C-alpha atoms as a PDB file:
ATOM      1  CA  MET A   1    -228.068 -71.040  89.219  1.00  0.00           C
ATOM      2  CA  SER A   2    -230.602 -68.699  87.514  1.00  0.00           C
ATOM      3  CA  ARG A   3    -232.144 -71.401  85.757  1.00  0.00           C
ATOM      4  CA  TRP A   4    -232.911 -73.396  88.479  1.00  0.00           C
ATOM      5  CA  LEU A   5    -234.130 -70.987  90.606  1.00  0.00           C
ATOM      6  CA  ARG A   6    -236.400 -69.468  87.890  1.00  0.00           C
ATOM      7  CA  LEU A   7    -238.083 -73.015  88.227  1.00  0.00           C
ATOM      8  CA  HIS A   8    -239.351 -72.335  91.507  1.00  0.00           C
ATOM      9  CA  TYR A   9    -239.086 -68.749  92.206  1.00  0.00           C
ATOM     10  CA  ARG A  10    -239.282 -65.303  90.904  1.00  0.00           C
ATOM     11  CA  GLU A  11    -235.352 -64.180  90.966  1.00  0.00           C
ATOM     12  CA  ILE A  12    -234.593 -60.857  90.820  1.00  0.00           C
ATOM     13  CA  LEU A  13    -231.146 -60.186  89.217  1.00  0.00           C
ATOM     14  CA  VAL A  14    -228.880 -56.758  90.541  1.00  0.00           C
ATOM     15  CA  HIS A  15    -225.539 -56.097  88.480  1.00  0.00           C
ATOM     16  CA  THR A  16    -223.618 -53.602  90.384  1.00  0.00           C
ATOM     17  CA  GLY A  17    -221.424 -52.711  87.799  1.00  0.00           C
ATOM     18  CA  GLN A  18    -218.084 -53.795  89.440  1.00  0.00           C
ATOM     19  CA  HIS A  19    -216.749 -55.296  85.899  1.00  0.00           C
ATOM     20  CA  TYR A  20    -218.205 -52.955  83.279  1.00  0.00           C
ATOM     21  CA  ASP A  21    -215.596 -53.938  80.473  1.00  0.00           C
ATOM     22  CA  TYR A  22    -217.798 -55.410  77.757  1.00  0.00           C
ATOM     23  CA  LEU A  23    -215.483 -58.821  77.796  1.00  0.00           C
ATOM     24  CA  LEU A  24    -215.300 -59.075  81.516  1.00  0.00           C
ATOM     25  CA  SER A  25    -219.084 -58.630  81.957  1.00  0.00           C
ATOM     26  CA  GLU A  26    -222.163 -58.309  79.273  1.00  0.00           C
ATOM     27  CA  VAL A  27    -220.343 -61.012  77.597  1.00  0.00           C
ATOM     28  CA  PHE A  28    -220.348 -63.613  79.883  1.00  0.00           C
ATOM     29  CA  PHE A  29    -224.452 -62.728  80.391  1.00  0.00           C
ATOM     30  CA  ARG A  30    -225.134 -63.363  76.646  1.00  0.00           C
ATOM     31  CA  GLU A  31    -222.644 -66.739  76.257  1.00  0.00           C
ATOM     32  CA  LEU A  32    -224.005 -68.081  79.641  1.00  0.00           C
ATOM     33  CA  GLY A  33    -228.090 -67.323  78.796  1.00  0.00           C
ATOM     34  CA  ILE A  34    -227.923 -65.487  81.740  1.00  0.00           C
ATOM     35  CA  PRO A  35    -231.333 -63.350  81.883  1.00  0.00           C
ATOM     36  CA  THR A  36    -230.755 -59.469  81.658  1.00  0.00           C
ATOM     37  CA  PRO A  37    -230.324 -57.922  85.174  1.00  0.00           C
ATOM     38  CA  ASP A  38    -233.446 -56.467  86.765  1.00  0.00           C
ATOM     39  CA  TYR A  39    -231.155 -54.017  87.888  1.00  0.00           C
ATOM     40  CA  ASN A  40    -227.799 -52.696  86.974  1.00  0.00           C
ATOM     41  CA  LEU A  41    -226.524 -50.403  89.443  1.00  0.00           C
ATOM     42  CA  GLY A  42    -223.728 -48.913  87.115  1.00  0.00           C
ATOM     43  CA  VAL A  43    -220.804 -48.290  90.049  1.00  0.00           C
ATOM     44  CA  GLY A  44    -218.005 -49.252  87.974  1.00  0.00           C
ATOM     45  CA  SER A  45    -214.440 -48.422  89.157  1.00  0.00           C
ATOM     46  CA  ALA A  46    -213.122 -46.729  91.890  1.00  0.00           C
ATOM     47  CA  SER A  47    -210.861 -47.643  95.512  1.00  0.00           C
ATOM     48  CA  HIS A  48    -212.545 -50.249  97.161  1.00  0.00           C
ATOM     49  CA  GLY A  49    -214.276 -48.344 100.135  1.00  0.00           C
ATOM     50  CA  ARG A  50    -216.186 -45.781  97.466  1.00  0.00           C
ATOM     51  CA  GLN A  51    -216.862 -48.892  95.220  1.00  0.00           C
ATOM     52  CA  THR A  52    -218.369 -50.731  98.199  1.00  0.00           C
ATOM     53  CA  GLY A  53    -220.126 -47.914 100.019  1.00  0.00           C
ATOM     54  CA  GLU A  54    -221.896 -46.851  96.718  1.00  0.00           C
ATOM     55  CA  MET A  55    -222.618 -50.569  96.059  1.00  0.00           C
ATOM     56  CA  LEU A  56    -224.439 -50.496  99.661  1.00  0.00           C
ATOM     57  CA  ALA A  57    -226.063 -47.132  99.395  1.00  0.00           C
ATOM     58  CA  ARG A  58    -227.787 -48.534  96.109  1.00  0.00           C
ATOM     59  CA  LEU A  59    -228.259 -52.015  97.204  1.00  0.00           C
ATOM     60  CA  GLU A  60    -230.483 -50.978  99.903  1.00  0.00           C
ATOM     61  CA  GLU A  61    -232.216 -48.943  97.603  1.00  0.00           C
ATOM     62  CA  VAL A  62    -232.753 -51.842  95.459  1.00  0.00           C
ATOM     63  CA  LEU A  63    -233.762 -54.181  98.313  1.00  0.00           C
ATOM     64  CA  LEU A  64    -236.266 -51.251 100.608  1.00  0.00           C
ATOM     65  CA  GLN A  65    -238.374 -52.078  97.054  1.00  0.00           C
ATOM     66  CA  GLU A  66    -238.291 -55.370  96.451  1.00  0.00           C
ATOM     67  CA  LYS A  67    -238.602 -56.780  99.708  1.00  0.00           C
ATOM     68  CA  PRO A  68    -236.433 -60.159  99.220  1.00  0.00           C
ATOM     69  CA  ASP A  69    -237.134 -63.351 101.247  1.00  0.00           C
ATOM     70  CA  TRP A  70    -233.444 -63.669 100.781  1.00  0.00           C
ATOM     71  CA  VAL A  71    -230.411 -62.343  99.039  1.00  0.00           C
ATOM     72  CA  VAL A  72    -228.006 -64.951  97.491  1.00  0.00           C
ATOM     73  CA  VAL A  73    -224.611 -63.411  96.975  1.00  0.00           C
ATOM     74  CA  TYR A  74    -222.165 -65.462  95.119  1.00  0.00           C
ATOM     75  CA  GLY A  75    -218.055 -65.232  95.578  1.00  0.00           C
ATOM     76  CA  ASP A  76    -215.549 -62.919  96.648  1.00  0.00           C
ATOM     77  CA  THR A  77    -215.893 -59.815  95.063  1.00  0.00           C
ATOM     78  CA  ASN A  78    -216.924 -55.774  96.810  1.00  0.00           C
ATOM     79  CA  SER A  79    -219.963 -56.743  95.388  1.00  0.00           C
ATOM     80  CA  THR A  80    -220.530 -59.868  97.278  1.00  0.00           C
ATOM     81  CA  LEU A  81    -219.831 -57.925 100.600  1.00  0.00           C
ATOM     82  CA  ALA A  82    -221.983 -54.895  99.765  1.00  0.00           C
ATOM     83  CA  GLY A  83    -225.202 -57.514  98.897  1.00  0.00           C
ATOM     84  CA  ALA A  84    -224.956 -59.304 102.201  1.00  0.00           C
ATOM     85  CA  LEU A  85    -223.868 -56.457 104.354  1.00  0.00           C
ATOM     86  CA  ALA A  86    -226.782 -54.467 103.120  1.00  0.00           C
ATOM     87  CA  ALA A  87    -229.157 -57.559 103.419  1.00  0.00           C
ATOM     88  CA  ALA A  88    -227.740 -58.204 106.789  1.00  0.00           C
ATOM     89  CA  LYS A  89    -228.486 -54.481 108.112  1.00  0.00           C
ATOM     90  CA  LEU A  90    -232.720 -54.815 106.758  1.00  0.00           C
ATOM     91  CA  HIS A  91    -232.538 -58.367 108.541  1.00  0.00           C
ATOM     92  CA  ILE A  92    -233.202 -60.487 105.095  1.00  0.00           C
ATOM     93  CA  PRO A  93    -231.302 -63.498 105.569  1.00  0.00           C
ATOM     94  CA  VAL A  94    -227.928 -63.891 103.219  1.00  0.00           C
ATOM     95  CA  ALA A  95    -227.252 -67.487 101.543  1.00  0.00           C
ATOM     96  CA  HIS A  96    -223.753 -67.516 100.231  1.00  0.00           C
ATOM     97  CA  VAL A  97    -222.501 -69.408  97.690  1.00  0.00           C
ATOM     98  CA  GLU A  98    -218.847 -70.221  97.414  1.00  0.00           C
ATOM     99  CA  ALA A  99    -218.681 -69.829 101.049  1.00  0.00           C
ATOM    100  CA  GLY A 100    -215.402 -71.292 103.439  1.00  0.00           C
ATOM    101  CA  LEU A 101    -212.952 -70.400 100.671  1.00  0.00           C
ATOM    102  CA  ARG A 102    -209.880 -69.159 102.901  1.00  0.00           C
ATOM    103  CA  SER A 103    -206.441 -68.221 101.114  1.00  0.00           C
ATOM    104  CA  TYR A 104    -205.564 -66.707 105.223  1.00  0.00           C
ATOM    105  CA  ASN A 105    -203.832 -63.508 103.663  1.00  0.00           C
ATOM    106  CA  ARG A 106    -205.675 -60.260 104.682  1.00  0.00           C
ATOM    107  CA  THR A 107    -203.806 -58.293 102.466  1.00  0.00           C
ATOM    108  CA  MET A 108    -206.430 -59.626  99.828  1.00  0.00           C
ATOM    109  CA  PRO A 109    -209.616 -57.557  99.427  1.00  0.00           C
ATOM    110  CA  GLU A 110    -210.950 -61.073  98.553  1.00  0.00           C
ATOM    111  CA  GLU A 111    -210.328 -62.700 101.817  1.00  0.00           C
ATOM    112  CA  ILE A 112    -211.885 -59.766 103.635  1.00  0.00           C
ATOM    113  CA  ASN A 113    -215.016 -59.799 101.313  1.00  0.00           C
ATOM    114  CA  ARG A 114    -215.069 -63.805 102.211  1.00  0.00           C
ATOM    115  CA  VAL A 115    -214.398 -63.969 105.718  1.00  0.00           C
ATOM    116  CA  LEU A 116    -216.695 -61.085 106.544  1.00  0.00           C
ATOM    117  CA  THR A 117    -219.582 -62.580 103.754  1.00  0.00           C
ATOM    118  CA  ASP A 118    -219.798 -65.963 105.705  1.00  0.00           C
ATOM    119  CA  HIS A 119    -219.976 -64.309 109.174  1.00  0.00           C
ATOM    120  CA  LEU A 120    -223.225 -62.393 107.706  1.00  0.00           C
ATOM    121  CA  SER A 121    -224.819 -65.703 106.340  1.00  0.00           C
ATOM    122  CA  ILE A 122    -227.599 -67.551 107.326  1.00  0.00           C
ATOM    123  CA  LEU A 123    -226.692 -70.301 104.772  1.00  0.00           C
ATOM    124  CA  LEU A 124    -222.959 -71.175 103.684  1.00  0.00           C
ATOM    125  CA  PHE A 125    -222.814 -73.085 100.134  1.00  0.00           C
ATOM    126  CA  CYS A 126    -219.284 -74.995 100.075  1.00  0.00           C
ATOM    127  CA  PRO A 127    -218.077 -76.363  97.143  1.00  0.00           C
ATOM    128  CA  THR A 128    -215.049 -78.377  99.253  1.00  0.00           C
ATOM    129  CA  ASP A 129    -214.877 -80.185 102.261  1.00  0.00           C
ATOM    130  CA  THR A 130    -211.361 -77.647 102.976  1.00  0.00           C
ATOM    131  CA  ALA A 131    -214.218 -74.699 103.084  1.00  0.00           C
ATOM    132  CA  VAL A 132    -216.538 -76.485 105.386  1.00  0.00           C
ATOM    133  CA  GLY A 133    -213.554 -77.203 107.710  1.00  0.00           C
ATOM    134  CA  ASN A 134    -212.718 -73.585 107.490  1.00  0.00           C
ATOM    135  CA  LEU A 135    -215.959 -72.283 108.629  1.00  0.00           C
ATOM    136  CA  ALA A 136    -215.894 -74.993 111.352  1.00  0.00           C
ATOM    137  CA  ARG A 137    -212.278 -73.254 112.647  1.00  0.00           C
ATOM    138  CA  GLU A 138    -214.275 -70.219 112.746  1.00  0.00           C
ATOM    139  CA  GLY A 139    -216.924 -71.585 114.940  1.00  0.00           C
ATOM    140  CA  ILE A 140    -219.572 -71.453 111.789  1.00  0.00           C
ATOM    141  CA  THR A 141    -221.225 -75.126 112.036  1.00  0.00           C
ATOM    142  CA  GLN A 142    -224.952 -73.483 111.143  1.00  0.00           C
ATOM    143  CA  GLY A 143    -226.172 -73.744 107.755  1.00  0.00           C
ATOM    144  CA  VAL A 144    -223.392 -75.038 106.432  1.00  0.00           C
ATOM    145  CA  HIS A 145    -223.633 -77.711 103.105  1.00  0.00           C
ATOM    146  CA  LYS A 146    -221.116 -78.844 100.927  1.00  0.00           C
ATOM    147  CA  VAL A 147    -222.684 -78.795  97.600  1.00  0.00           C
ATOM    148  CA  GLY A 148    -220.343 -79.105  95.340  1.00  0.00           C
ATOM    149  CA  ASP A 149    -218.758 -75.474  93.099  1.00  0.00           C
ATOM    150  CA  VAL A 150    -221.251 -73.946  90.820  1.00  0.00           C
ATOM    151  CA  MET A 151    -218.728 -72.809  88.743  1.00  0.00           C
ATOM    152  CA  TYR A 152    -217.814 -76.915  87.798  1.00  0.00           C
ATOM    153  CA  ASP A 153    -221.378 -77.094  86.853  1.00  0.00           C
ATOM    154  CA  VAL A 154    -221.313 -73.679  84.219  1.00  0.00           C
ATOM    155  CA  ALA A 155    -217.330 -75.404  82.875  1.00  0.00           C
ATOM    156  CA  LEU A 156    -219.393 -78.605  82.114  1.00  0.00           C
ATOM    157  CA  TRP A 157    -221.778 -76.860  80.196  1.00  0.00           C
ATOM    158  CA  GLY A 158    -220.195 -74.524  78.951  1.00  0.00           C
ATOM    159  CA  LEU A 159    -217.428 -76.902  77.225  1.00  0.00           C
ATOM    160  CA  GLU A 160    -219.948 -78.370  75.151  1.00  0.00           C
ATOM    161  CA  ILE A 161    -220.854 -75.196  73.335  1.00  0.00           C
ATOM    162  CA  ALA A 162    -217.339 -73.838  73.121  1.00  0.00           C
ATOM    163  CA  GLU A 163    -216.375 -76.790  71.501  1.00  0.00           C
ATOM    164  CA  ARG A 164    -218.890 -76.261  68.776  1.00  0.00           C
ATOM    165  CA  LYS A 165    -218.611 -72.783  68.966  1.00  0.00           C
ATOM    166  CA  SER A 166    -215.184 -71.077  69.406  1.00  0.00           C
ATOM    167  CA  THR A 167    -212.577 -70.233  67.186  1.00  0.00           C
ATOM    168  CA  VAL A 168    -210.369 -68.924  69.484  1.00  0.00           C
ATOM    169  CA  LEU A 169    -207.415 -71.262  68.794  1.00  0.00           C
ATOM    170  CA  GLU A 170    -207.815 -70.860  64.899  1.00  0.00           C
ATOM    171  CA  THR A 171    -207.708 -67.064  65.371  1.00  0.00           C
ATOM    172  CA  LEU A 172    -204.913 -67.108  66.889  1.00  0.00           C
ATOM    173  CA  GLY A 173    -202.810 -69.295  65.322  1.00  0.00           C
ATOM    174  CA  VAL A 174    -202.013 -72.075  68.057  1.00  0.00           C
ATOM    175  CA  ASP A 175    -202.173 -75.519  68.294  1.00  0.00           C
ATOM    176  CA  PRO A 176    -203.445 -77.760  71.408  1.00  0.00           C
ATOM    177  CA  GLY A 177    -200.597 -78.301  73.702  1.00  0.00           C
ATOM    178  CA  ASN A 178    -198.360 -75.896  72.056  1.00  0.00           C
ATOM    179  CA  TYR A 179    -198.514 -72.717  74.087  1.00  0.00           C
ATOM    180  CA  LEU A 180    -198.603 -71.295  77.517  1.00  0.00           C
ATOM    181  CA  LEU A 181    -201.883 -69.346  78.965  1.00  0.00           C
ATOM    182  CA  VAL A 182    -201.242 -66.675  81.056  1.00  0.00           C
ATOM    183  CA  THR A 183    -203.493 -64.096  83.619  1.00  0.00           C
ATOM    184  CA  ILE A 184    -202.307 -61.676  85.711  1.00  0.00           C
ATOM    185  CA  HIS A 185    -204.747 -59.432  87.530  1.00  0.00           C
ATOM    186  CA  ARG A 186    -204.517 -59.091  91.188  1.00  0.00           C
ATOM    187  CA  PRO A 187    -203.418 -56.392  92.739  1.00  0.00           C
ATOM    188  CA  GLY A 188    -200.596 -58.312  94.786  1.00  0.00           C
ATOM    189  CA  ASN A 189    -198.620 -58.727  91.172  1.00  0.00           C
ATOM    190  CA  THR A 190    -200.517 -55.782  88.969  1.00  0.00           C
ATOM    191  CA  ASP A 191    -199.861 -52.669  91.503  1.00  0.00           C
ATOM    192  CA  ASP A 192    -196.257 -53.810  92.742  1.00  0.00           C
ATOM    193  CA  PRO A 193    -193.866 -52.739  89.963  1.00  0.00           C
ATOM    194  CA  ARG A 194    -190.955 -55.387  91.501  1.00  0.00           C
ATOM    195  CA  ASN A 195    -194.063 -58.732  90.900  1.00  0.00           C
ATOM    196  CA  LEU A 196    -194.919 -57.734  87.811  1.00  0.00           C
ATOM    197  CA  SER A 197    -191.383 -56.961  86.255  1.00  0.00           C
ATOM    198  CA  ALA A 198    -190.407 -60.522  87.564  1.00  0.00           C
ATOM    199  CA  ILE A 199    -193.411 -62.224  85.789  1.00  0.00           C
ATOM    200  CA  VAL A 200    -192.930 -60.678  82.757  1.00  0.00           C
ATOM    201  CA  SER A 201    -189.148 -61.338  83.233  1.00  0.00           C
ATOM    202  CA  ALA A 202    -189.838 -65.028  83.533  1.00  0.00           C
ATOM    203  CA  LEU A 203    -192.223 -65.127  80.421  1.00  0.00           C
ATOM    204  CA  ASN A 204    -189.419 -63.462  78.503  1.00  0.00           C
ATOM    205  CA  ASP A 205    -187.190 -66.075  79.735  1.00  0.00           C
ATOM    206  CA  VAL A 206    -188.994 -68.918  78.651  1.00  0.00           C
ATOM    207  CA  ALA A 207    -188.482 -70.602  75.200  1.00  0.00           C
ATOM    208  CA  GLU A 208    -191.930 -71.305  74.655  1.00  0.00           C
ATOM    209  CA  ARG A 209    -195.399 -69.439  73.099  1.00  0.00           C
ATOM    210  CA  VAL A 210    -197.277 -67.722  75.191  1.00  0.00           C
ATOM    211  CA  ILE A 211    -200.906 -66.299  75.289  1.00  0.00           C
ATOM    212  CA  PHE A 212    -201.631 -63.256  77.598  1.00  0.00           C
ATOM    213  CA  PRO A 213    -205.247 -62.253  77.589  1.00  0.00           C
ATOM    214  CA  VAL A 214    -204.511 -59.186  79.384  1.00  0.00           C
ATOM    215  CA  HIS A 215    -207.243 -57.751  81.812  1.00  0.00           C
ATOM    216  CA  PRO A 216    -207.412 -54.084  81.815  1.00  0.00           C
ATOM    217  CA  ARG A 217    -205.916 -53.492  84.970  1.00  0.00           C
ATOM    218  CA  THR A 218    -203.030 -55.792  83.908  1.00  0.00           C
ATOM    219  CA  GLN A 219    -202.458 -53.230  80.922  1.00  0.00           C
ATOM    220  CA  LYS A 220    -202.612 -50.268  82.749  1.00  0.00           C
ATOM    221  CA  ALA A 221    -199.812 -51.408  84.727  1.00  0.00           C
ATOM    222  CA  LEU A 222    -197.522 -52.421  82.256  1.00  0.00           C
ATOM    223  CA  LYS A 223    -197.571 -49.086  80.511  1.00  0.00           C
ATOM    224  CA  GLN A 224    -197.146 -47.363  83.946  1.00  0.00           C
ATOM    225  CA  TRP A 225    -194.110 -49.555  84.838  1.00  0.00           C
ATOM    226  CA  GLY A 226    -192.623 -49.877  81.325  1.00  0.00           C
ATOM    227  CA  LEU A 227    -193.056 -53.164  80.909  1.00  0.00           C
ATOM    228  CA  HIS A 228    -192.648 -54.891  77.475  1.00  0.00           C
ATOM    229  CA  PRO A 229    -192.648 -58.600  77.081  1.00  0.00           C
ATOM    230  CA  ASN A 230    -190.676 -60.422  74.397  1.00  0.00           C
ATOM    231  CA  SER A 231    -191.812 -61.610  70.788  1.00  0.00           C
ATOM    232  CA  ASN A 232    -192.540 -65.002  71.910  1.00  0.00           C
ATOM    233  CA  VAL A 233    -195.589 -63.380  74.584  1.00  0.00           C
ATOM    234  CA  ARG A 234    -198.415 -62.467  72.813  1.00  0.00           C
ATOM    235  CA  LEU A 235    -200.575 -60.103  74.451  1.00  0.00           C
ATOM    236  CA  ILE A 236    -204.604 -59.784  73.521  1.00  0.00           C
ATOM    237  CA  GLU A 237    -207.812 -58.148  74.589  1.00  0.00           C
ATOM    238  CA  PRO A 238    -209.572 -60.408  77.413  1.00  0.00           C
ATOM    239  CA  VAL A 239    -211.610 -62.812  75.780  1.00  0.00           C
ATOM    240  CA  SER A 240    -215.007 -64.381  76.183  1.00  0.00           C
ATOM    241  CA  TYR A 241    -215.847 -67.212  78.578  1.00  0.00           C
ATOM    242  CA  LEU A 242    -216.279 -69.988  75.837  1.00  0.00           C
ATOM    243  CA  ASP A 243    -213.364 -68.926  74.123  1.00  0.00           C
ATOM    244  CA  MET A 244    -211.086 -68.538  77.553  1.00  0.00           C
ATOM    245  CA  LEU A 245    -212.374 -72.236  78.350  1.00  0.00           C
ATOM    246  CA  MET A 246    -210.750 -73.213  75.099  1.00  0.00           C
ATOM    247  CA  LEU A 247    -207.787 -71.500  75.916  1.00  0.00           C
ATOM    248  CA  GLU A 248    -207.207 -73.321  79.360  1.00  0.00           C
ATOM    249  CA  LYS A 249    -208.205 -76.568  77.789  1.00  0.00           C
ATOM    250  CA  ASN A 250    -205.651 -76.755  74.712  1.00  0.00           C
ATOM    251  CA  ALA A 251    -202.683 -74.832  77.009  1.00  0.00           C
ATOM    252  CA  ARG A 252    -199.829 -76.910  77.635  1.00  0.00           C
ATOM    253  CA  MET A 253    -199.736 -75.163  81.055  1.00  0.00           C
ATOM    254  CA  ILE A 254    -201.544 -72.807  82.898  1.00  0.00           C
ATOM    255  CA  LEU A 255    -200.134 -69.315  84.661  1.00  0.00           C
ATOM    256  CA  THR A 256    -202.111 -67.184  86.848  1.00  0.00           C
ATOM    257  CA  ASP A 257    -202.648 -65.331  90.095  1.00  0.00           C
ATOM    258  CA  SER A 258    -206.889 -65.646  89.485  1.00  0.00           C
ATOM    259  CA  GLY A 259    -208.746 -68.492  92.569  1.00  0.00           C
ATOM    260  CA  GLY A 260    -211.359 -69.408  89.212  1.00  0.00           C
ATOM    261  CA  VAL A 261    -208.553 -70.178  86.415  1.00  0.00           C
ATOM    262  CA  GLN A 262    -206.675 -72.090  88.880  1.00  0.00           C
ATOM    263  CA  LYS A 263    -209.965 -74.395  89.701  1.00  0.00           C
ATOM    264  CA  GLU A 264    -210.721 -74.721  86.099  1.00  0.00           C
ATOM    265  CA  ALA A 265    -207.281 -75.553  85.302  1.00  0.00           C
ATOM    266  CA  TYR A 266    -207.777 -78.554  87.448  1.00  0.00           C
ATOM    267  CA  ILE A 267    -210.996 -79.024  85.849  1.00  0.00           C
ATOM    268  CA  LEU A 268    -209.519 -79.445  82.824  1.00  0.00           C
ATOM    269  CA  GLY A 269    -206.523 -81.656  84.025  1.00  0.00           C
ATOM    270  CA  VAL A 270    -203.990 -78.799  82.538  1.00  0.00           C
ATOM    271  CA  PRO A 271    -200.646 -78.477  84.841  1.00  0.00           C
ATOM    272  CA  CYS A 272    -201.311 -74.748  86.935  1.00  0.00           C
ATOM    273  CA  VAL A 273    -198.265 -72.965  88.096  1.00  0.00           C
ATOM    274  CA  THR A 274    -200.020 -70.407  90.184  1.00  0.00           C
ATOM    275  CA  LEU A 275    -198.207 -66.510  90.807  1.00  0.00           C
ATOM    276  CA  ARG A 276    -199.061 -66.534  94.317  1.00  0.00           C
ATOM    277  CA  GLU A 277    -197.560 -67.270  97.862  1.00  0.00           C
ATOM    278  CA  GLU A 278    -201.128 -69.217  98.849  1.00  0.00           C
ATOM    279  CA  THR A 279    -203.908 -69.919  97.304  1.00  0.00           C
ATOM    280  CA  GLU A 280    -208.175 -70.494  98.510  1.00  0.00           C
ATOM    281  CA  TRP A 281    -208.167 -73.544  96.381  1.00  0.00           C
ATOM    282  CA  VAL A 282    -205.241 -75.664  98.410  1.00  0.00           C
ATOM    283  CA  GLU A 283    -206.815 -78.882  97.197  1.00  0.00           C
ATOM    284  CA  THR A 284    -205.264 -78.590  93.584  1.00  0.00           C
ATOM    285  CA  VAL A 285    -201.929 -78.305  95.231  1.00  0.00           C
ATOM    286  CA  GLU A 286    -202.604 -81.230  97.433  1.00  0.00           C
ATOM    287  CA  ALA A 287    -203.508 -83.233  94.253  1.00  0.00           C
ATOM    288  CA  GLY A 288    -200.692 -82.331  92.570  1.00  0.00           C
ATOM    289  CA  TRP A 289    -201.845 -80.400  89.724  1.00  0.00           C
ATOM    290  CA  ASN A 290    -201.108 -76.931  91.140  1.00  0.00           C
ATOM    291  CA  ILE A 291    -197.909 -75.408  92.122  1.00  0.00           C
ATOM    292  CA  LEU A 292    -197.560 -72.157  94.144  1.00  0.00           C
ATOM    293  CA  VAL A 293    -194.393 -69.557  92.949  1.00  0.00           C
ATOM    294  CA  GLY A 294    -195.358 -66.332  94.109  1.00  0.00           C
ATOM    295  CA  ALA A 295    -193.931 -63.430  91.686  1.00  0.00           C
ATOM    296  CA  ASN A 296    -190.372 -64.980  91.757  1.00  0.00           C
ATOM    297  CA  ARG A 297    -188.614 -64.654  88.518  1.00  0.00           C
ATOM    298  CA  GLU A 298    -186.221 -68.247  89.189  1.00  0.00           C
ATOM    299  CA  ARG A 299    -189.196 -70.312  90.590  1.00  0.00           C
ATOM    300  CA  ILE A 300    -191.810 -69.345  87.850  1.00  0.00           C
ATOM    301  CA  VAL A 301    -188.935 -70.566  85.103  1.00  0.00           C
ATOM    302  CA  GLU A 302    -188.139 -73.325  87.188  1.00  0.00           C
ATOM    303  CA  ALA A 303    -192.044 -74.872  87.386  1.00  0.00           C
ATOM    304  CA  VAL A 304    -192.657 -73.860  83.642  1.00  0.00           C
ATOM    305  CA  ARG A 305    -189.641 -76.275  82.565  1.00  0.00           C
ATOM    306  CA  ASN A 306    -189.962 -78.779  85.189  1.00  0.00           C
ATOM    307  CA  PHE A 307    -193.256 -79.163  86.840  1.00  0.00           C
ATOM    308  CA  GLN A 308    -195.329 -82.237  86.354  1.00  0.00           C
ATOM    309  CA  PRO A 309    -198.501 -83.271  87.757  1.00  0.00           C
ATOM    310  CA  THR A 310    -198.485 -86.219  90.117  1.00  0.00           C
ATOM    311  CA  GLY A 311    -201.308 -88.766  90.782  1.00  0.00           C
ATOM    312  CA  GLU A 312    -204.876 -88.444  89.782  1.00  0.00           C
ATOM    313  CA  ARG A 313    -207.370 -85.358  89.527  1.00  0.00           C
ATOM    314  CA  PRO A 314    -209.879 -86.949  92.526  1.00  0.00           C
ATOM    315  CA  PRO A 315    -213.439 -85.224  91.986  1.00  0.00           C
ATOM    316  CA  LEU A 316    -212.696 -82.166  94.585  1.00  0.00           C
ATOM    317  CA  PHE A 317    -215.521 -80.127  92.929  1.00  0.00           C
ATOM    318  CA  GLY A 318    -218.314 -82.404  93.051  1.00  0.00           C
ATOM    319  CA  ASP A 319    -220.431 -83.501  90.628  1.00  0.00           C
ATOM    320  CA  GLY A 320    -221.657 -81.184  87.993  1.00  0.00           C
ATOM    321  CA  ASN A 321    -225.822 -80.627  90.203  1.00  0.00           C
ATOM    322  CA  ALA A 322    -224.525 -77.933  92.708  1.00  0.00           C
ATOM    323  CA  SER A 323    -227.055 -75.151  91.302  1.00  0.00           C
ATOM    324  CA  ARG A 324    -229.708 -78.060  91.846  1.00  0.00           C
ATOM    325  CA  ARG A 325    -228.544 -78.896  95.316  1.00  0.00           C
ATOM    326  CA  ILE A 326    -228.825 -75.049  96.230  1.00  0.00           C
ATOM    327  CA  VAL A 327    -232.346 -74.468  95.313  1.00  0.00           C
ATOM    328  CA  GLU A 328    -233.479 -77.616  97.343  1.00  0.00           C
ATOM    329  CA  ILE A 329    -231.694 -76.076 100.347  1.00  0.00           C
ATOM    330  CA  LEU A 330    -233.237 -72.913  99.411  1.00  0.00           C
ATOM    331  CA  THR A 331    -236.764 -74.286  98.840  1.00  0.00           C
ATOM    332  CA  GLN A 332    -236.454 -76.739 102.414  1.00  0.00           C
ATOM    333  CA  GLU A 333    -235.366 -73.378 104.446  1.00  0.00           C
ATOM    334  CA  ALA A 334    -238.685 -71.692 102.616  1.00  0.00           C
ATOM    335  CA  ILE A 335    -240.833 -75.049 103.325  1.00  0.00           C
ATOM    336  CA  GLY A 336    -239.269 -75.198 107.062  1.00  0.00           C
END
């Protein structure tokens, strides 16, 4: 997205510091060629309210200093909401990339963030028809554009590089199609000992090799609840974006509670078992490539043993040109 923006505009890039671990933050900038942020607010970890409040205060200072024509926010993090709210309070128009997603589970912080951000935005860039329909049901029809998914753009670009440069399979000693890949990070799983215990128990029960890059939150929770995966489950540090693409592409199956990983699994043609009771990417379930099992040991084991995708994979997320379309629409708004 930055590459397209910077062809036409001065982009001021702000990194809130919500993700401050090297493998969850800085390495992404380096691998994806994202320019060095003009501002790094260094907010770090805290409760949702405190973290969002710190971001709001610091972002307001940046906006007052820079006086941008637009504020573009991405996704559904606390940073997304803080950026949208700070801009709206200062009467700066907001453009939301990845607008219209809904899980309809208000216990998820991400759901609150995305709903509020959409209602604060002037331009809403939707990845799918479902997202456009979700907004229409909430009375949002002005400024809505279906553009495709910027993550699809990135995945296509990154996969070509990853296949040339990544050595993660060799480093881990795994063969394509001979392991399961697991990611867990959502509070609904990590902060609930019953859920996390059920997931670990299911992983222990499957007679397959499991590669499990452990998010810092999950690592802390495993220790806190005294949960110990069996020897078939290999816990590793979080991996870089390019290594993650290679692990995803070559897995027999992916088990995750991440919305982004669900989507990448679909893009890469890998069966996905979602460790949640709902998903914002309902299209992947309807297409037969994703199954929702929650944090239920029996359902997880059953899915690992028997779930098979059905049907073709229709192009749900565009054609890889979402970023270009977004910049074109922003340009039209500036001219108009």
